[in-house]
Protein backbone atom coordinates (compact mmCIF):
# COMPACT_ATOMS: atom_id res chain seq x y z
CA MET A 1 7.23 -4.36 -32.26
CA ALA A 2 10.29 -1.80 -31.81
CA PRO A 3 10.63 -0.73 -27.67
CA VAL A 4 8.90 2.46 -26.77
CA ARG A 5 10.68 4.76 -24.43
CA VAL A 6 8.97 6.06 -20.82
CA SER A 7 9.55 8.06 -18.29
CA LEU A 8 7.58 7.06 -15.21
CA ASP A 9 8.47 8.49 -11.75
CA VAL A 10 8.16 6.26 -9.00
CA ASN A 11 8.05 6.55 -5.42
CA GLY A 12 9.98 10.08 -6.02
CA THR A 13 12.50 8.59 -8.51
CA THR A 14 12.23 9.42 -12.27
CA TYR A 15 13.22 6.21 -14.54
CA GLU A 16 13.59 6.24 -17.81
CA ARG A 17 13.53 2.85 -19.83
CA GLU A 18 12.94 1.09 -23.18
CA VAL A 19 10.43 -1.21 -22.88
CA GLU A 20 7.95 -3.66 -25.13
CA PRO A 21 4.73 -1.94 -25.79
CA ARG A 22 2.41 -5.14 -24.37
CA LEU A 23 4.70 -4.87 -20.90
CA LEU A 24 2.40 -4.59 -18.09
CA LEU A 25 3.06 -1.75 -15.58
CA VAL A 26 3.03 -4.85 -12.84
CA HIS A 27 6.32 -6.53 -14.58
CA PHE A 28 8.24 -3.16 -15.76
CA LEU A 29 7.84 -2.77 -11.11
CA ARG A 30 8.71 -6.05 -10.61
CA ASP A 31 11.45 -6.83 -13.40
CA GLN A 32 12.93 -3.56 -14.82
CA LEU A 33 13.00 -1.99 -11.27
CA GLY A 34 12.99 -4.61 -8.74
CA LEU A 35 10.36 -3.46 -6.79
CA THR A 36 8.62 -6.81 -5.67
CA GLY A 37 6.00 -5.62 -3.13
CA THR A 38 4.14 -5.32 -5.70
CA HIS A 39 2.77 -9.07 -6.23
CA VAL A 40 1.06 -10.98 -9.32
CA GLY A 41 -1.59 -13.16 -8.36
CA CYS A 42 -4.06 -13.65 -11.03
CA ASP A 43 -2.80 -11.48 -13.78
CA THR A 44 -6.52 -11.35 -14.87
CA SER A 45 -7.37 -8.22 -12.61
CA ASN A 46 -9.59 -10.30 -9.95
CA CYS A 47 -7.04 -10.62 -6.31
CA GLY A 48 -5.59 -6.82 -5.75
CA ALA A 49 -2.43 -8.08 -4.88
CA CYS A 50 -0.85 -5.65 -7.80
CA THR A 51 -2.34 -2.52 -6.66
CA VAL A 52 -0.50 0.41 -6.64
CA HIS A 53 -1.03 4.46 -7.21
CA LEU A 54 -1.10 5.82 -10.26
CA ASP A 55 -1.11 9.52 -10.08
CA GLY A 56 -2.76 9.18 -6.44
CA VAL A 57 -5.49 6.61 -7.34
CA ALA A 58 -5.13 2.98 -6.46
CA VAL A 59 -5.22 0.57 -9.57
CA LYS A 60 -4.11 -2.94 -10.36
CA SER A 61 -0.78 -3.13 -12.16
CA CYS A 62 -1.70 -6.01 -14.27
CA THR A 63 -4.74 -3.68 -16.02
CA VAL A 64 -2.20 -0.94 -17.43
CA LEU A 65 0.71 -1.14 -19.80
CA ALA A 66 4.00 0.76 -18.85
CA VAL A 67 3.47 2.97 -21.76
CA GLN A 68 -0.02 3.76 -20.61
CA ALA A 69 1.86 4.66 -17.54
CA ASP A 70 4.35 6.82 -19.62
CA GLY A 71 4.50 10.51 -17.67
CA THR A 72 2.67 9.41 -14.43
CA LYS A 73 3.99 9.37 -10.65
CA VAL A 74 3.79 5.65 -9.22
CA THR A 75 3.37 5.20 -5.69
CA THR A 76 4.62 0.95 -4.66
CA ILE A 77 3.76 -0.52 -1.35
CA GLU A 78 8.07 0.28 -0.86
CA GLY A 79 7.12 4.44 -1.37
CA LEU A 80 3.89 4.44 0.84
CA GLY A 81 6.60 4.25 4.21
CA ALA A 82 9.53 2.86 5.57
CA VAL A 83 10.79 0.57 8.21
CA ASP A 84 11.16 3.63 10.46
CA ASP A 85 8.44 5.35 9.71
CA LEU A 86 5.53 3.47 8.40
CA HIS A 87 2.33 4.81 7.07
CA PRO A 88 -1.05 4.84 9.68
CA VAL A 89 -2.44 1.69 7.46
CA GLN A 90 1.04 -0.51 7.33
CA GLU A 91 0.85 0.58 11.69
CA ALA A 92 -2.83 -0.88 11.41
CA PHE A 93 -1.94 -4.22 10.04
CA TRP A 94 0.99 -4.91 12.26
CA GLU A 95 -0.78 -3.62 15.34
CA HIS A 96 -3.99 -5.47 14.62
CA HIS A 97 -2.52 -8.63 12.80
CA GLY A 98 -4.27 -7.50 9.37
CA LEU A 99 -2.30 -10.03 7.51
CA GLN A 100 -1.26 -13.80 7.43
CA CYS A 101 0.57 -15.00 5.02
CA GLY A 102 1.46 -11.65 3.36
CA TYR A 103 0.92 -11.98 -0.21
CA CYS A 104 -1.90 -9.61 -0.57
CA THR A 105 -0.90 -7.74 1.68
CA PRO A 106 0.81 -4.52 -0.34
CA GLY A 107 -2.44 -4.50 -2.62
CA MET A 108 -4.79 -4.29 0.59
CA ILE A 109 -2.77 -1.65 1.91
CA MET A 110 -2.45 0.21 -1.60
CA ALA A 111 -6.39 -0.12 -1.93
CA ALA A 112 -6.79 0.90 2.13
CA ALA A 113 -4.64 3.96 1.63
CA ASP A 114 -6.62 5.07 -1.14
CA LEU A 115 -9.99 4.69 0.24
CA LEU A 116 -8.53 6.64 3.48
CA GLN A 117 -7.14 9.56 1.33
CA ARG A 118 -10.69 10.07 -0.32
CA ASN A 119 -12.87 8.83 2.76
CA PRO A 120 -10.74 9.36 5.63
CA ASP A 121 -13.71 8.41 8.07
CA PRO A 122 -15.13 5.24 6.61
CA SER A 123 -17.46 2.72 7.79
CA GLU A 124 -17.39 -0.90 8.54
CA GLN A 125 -19.09 -1.36 5.04
CA GLU A 126 -17.68 1.52 3.08
CA VAL A 127 -14.34 -0.33 3.90
CA ARG A 128 -15.39 -3.80 3.07
CA GLU A 129 -16.82 -2.32 -0.36
CA ALA A 130 -13.41 -0.78 -1.06
CA LEU A 131 -11.48 -3.33 -0.67
CA ALA A 132 -14.08 -6.09 -2.68
CA GLY A 133 -11.31 -5.99 -5.03
CA ASN A 134 -8.62 -7.76 -3.64
CA LEU A 135 -8.83 -11.03 -1.90
CA CYS A 136 -7.21 -13.00 0.84
CA ARG A 137 -7.21 -16.40 1.09
CA CYS A 138 -5.95 -16.32 4.67
CA THR A 139 -7.63 -14.05 7.02
CA GLY A 140 -11.26 -14.01 6.44
CA TYR A 141 -10.90 -10.29 6.61
CA HIS A 142 -12.04 -9.41 10.17
CA ASN A 143 -8.54 -8.02 11.29
CA ILE A 144 -7.54 -6.11 7.65
CA VAL A 145 -11.44 -4.25 8.31
CA LYS A 146 -10.07 -3.50 12.20
CA ALA A 147 -7.13 -2.34 10.79
CA VAL A 148 -8.12 -0.04 7.78
CA LEU A 149 -10.68 1.13 10.76
CA ALA A 150 -8.23 1.68 13.20
CA ALA A 151 -5.80 3.67 10.67
CA ALA A 152 -8.48 5.55 10.21
CA LYS A 153 -8.87 6.79 13.76
CA ALA A 154 -4.94 6.75 13.76
CA PRO A 155 -3.02 10.36 13.97
CA ALA A 156 -1.76 11.97 10.85
CA ARG A 157 1.98 11.27 10.01
CA GLY A 158 3.82 13.82 11.22
CA ASP A 159 1.12 14.58 14.34
CA ALA A 160 1.85 11.84 16.49
CA ALA A 161 2.93 13.19 20.11
CA PRO A 162 6.32 13.87 20.46
CA PRO A 163 8.59 11.18 21.65
CA PRO A 164 9.62 11.07 25.88
CA SER A 165 12.50 13.29 27.02
CA PRO A 166 15.16 11.20 28.35
CA GLY A 167 14.80 9.23 31.64
CA GLU A 168 10.80 9.24 31.08
CA PRO A 169 9.36 6.28 30.89
CA THR A 170 8.17 5.03 27.50
CA VAL A 171 5.79 2.31 28.51
CA PRO A 172 3.33 4.18 31.16
CA VAL A 173 3.85 2.29 34.84
CA THR A 174 0.88 1.07 36.76
CA GLY A 175 0.07 -1.50 39.13
CA VAL A 176 1.68 -2.55 42.24
CA GLY A 177 4.08 0.52 43.37
CA ALA A 178 3.11 2.46 40.76
């Protein structure tokens, strides 16, 4: 088959490439763009490790051909937040130990971010249902669910309290002599 030209906006950058028509989006992201945060876990759409956002909706990128994504906006885990500006779901996974080996984590975070975009105040049952298509072999899901619920309660990005003034303690001072 002859290569097909595609153009995708990935994490805010437009990429144009010639691809084989049968190339999966997950392989386009990993092999052509070097975005290896999107994991290949099963190649059968069962595990969810390859979850990305396609035009703002969570999809398993092992079920989408790169040519089907032509002209779309793709967000991967690398585009969700930055080391110095984590997305609330990333922050909550960190704070609530929502990961162990980390292999499923990018897909879990992308699925959770999609849920919170659609339903900013989910119940525990709604979180469990939204993550049912993402498998974790390590955690038993308790801390993952706890993290998603905490992210739902977190202030929106940019709505956090301002940083302390110079000389102001960054941690509340308590205890003897405080």
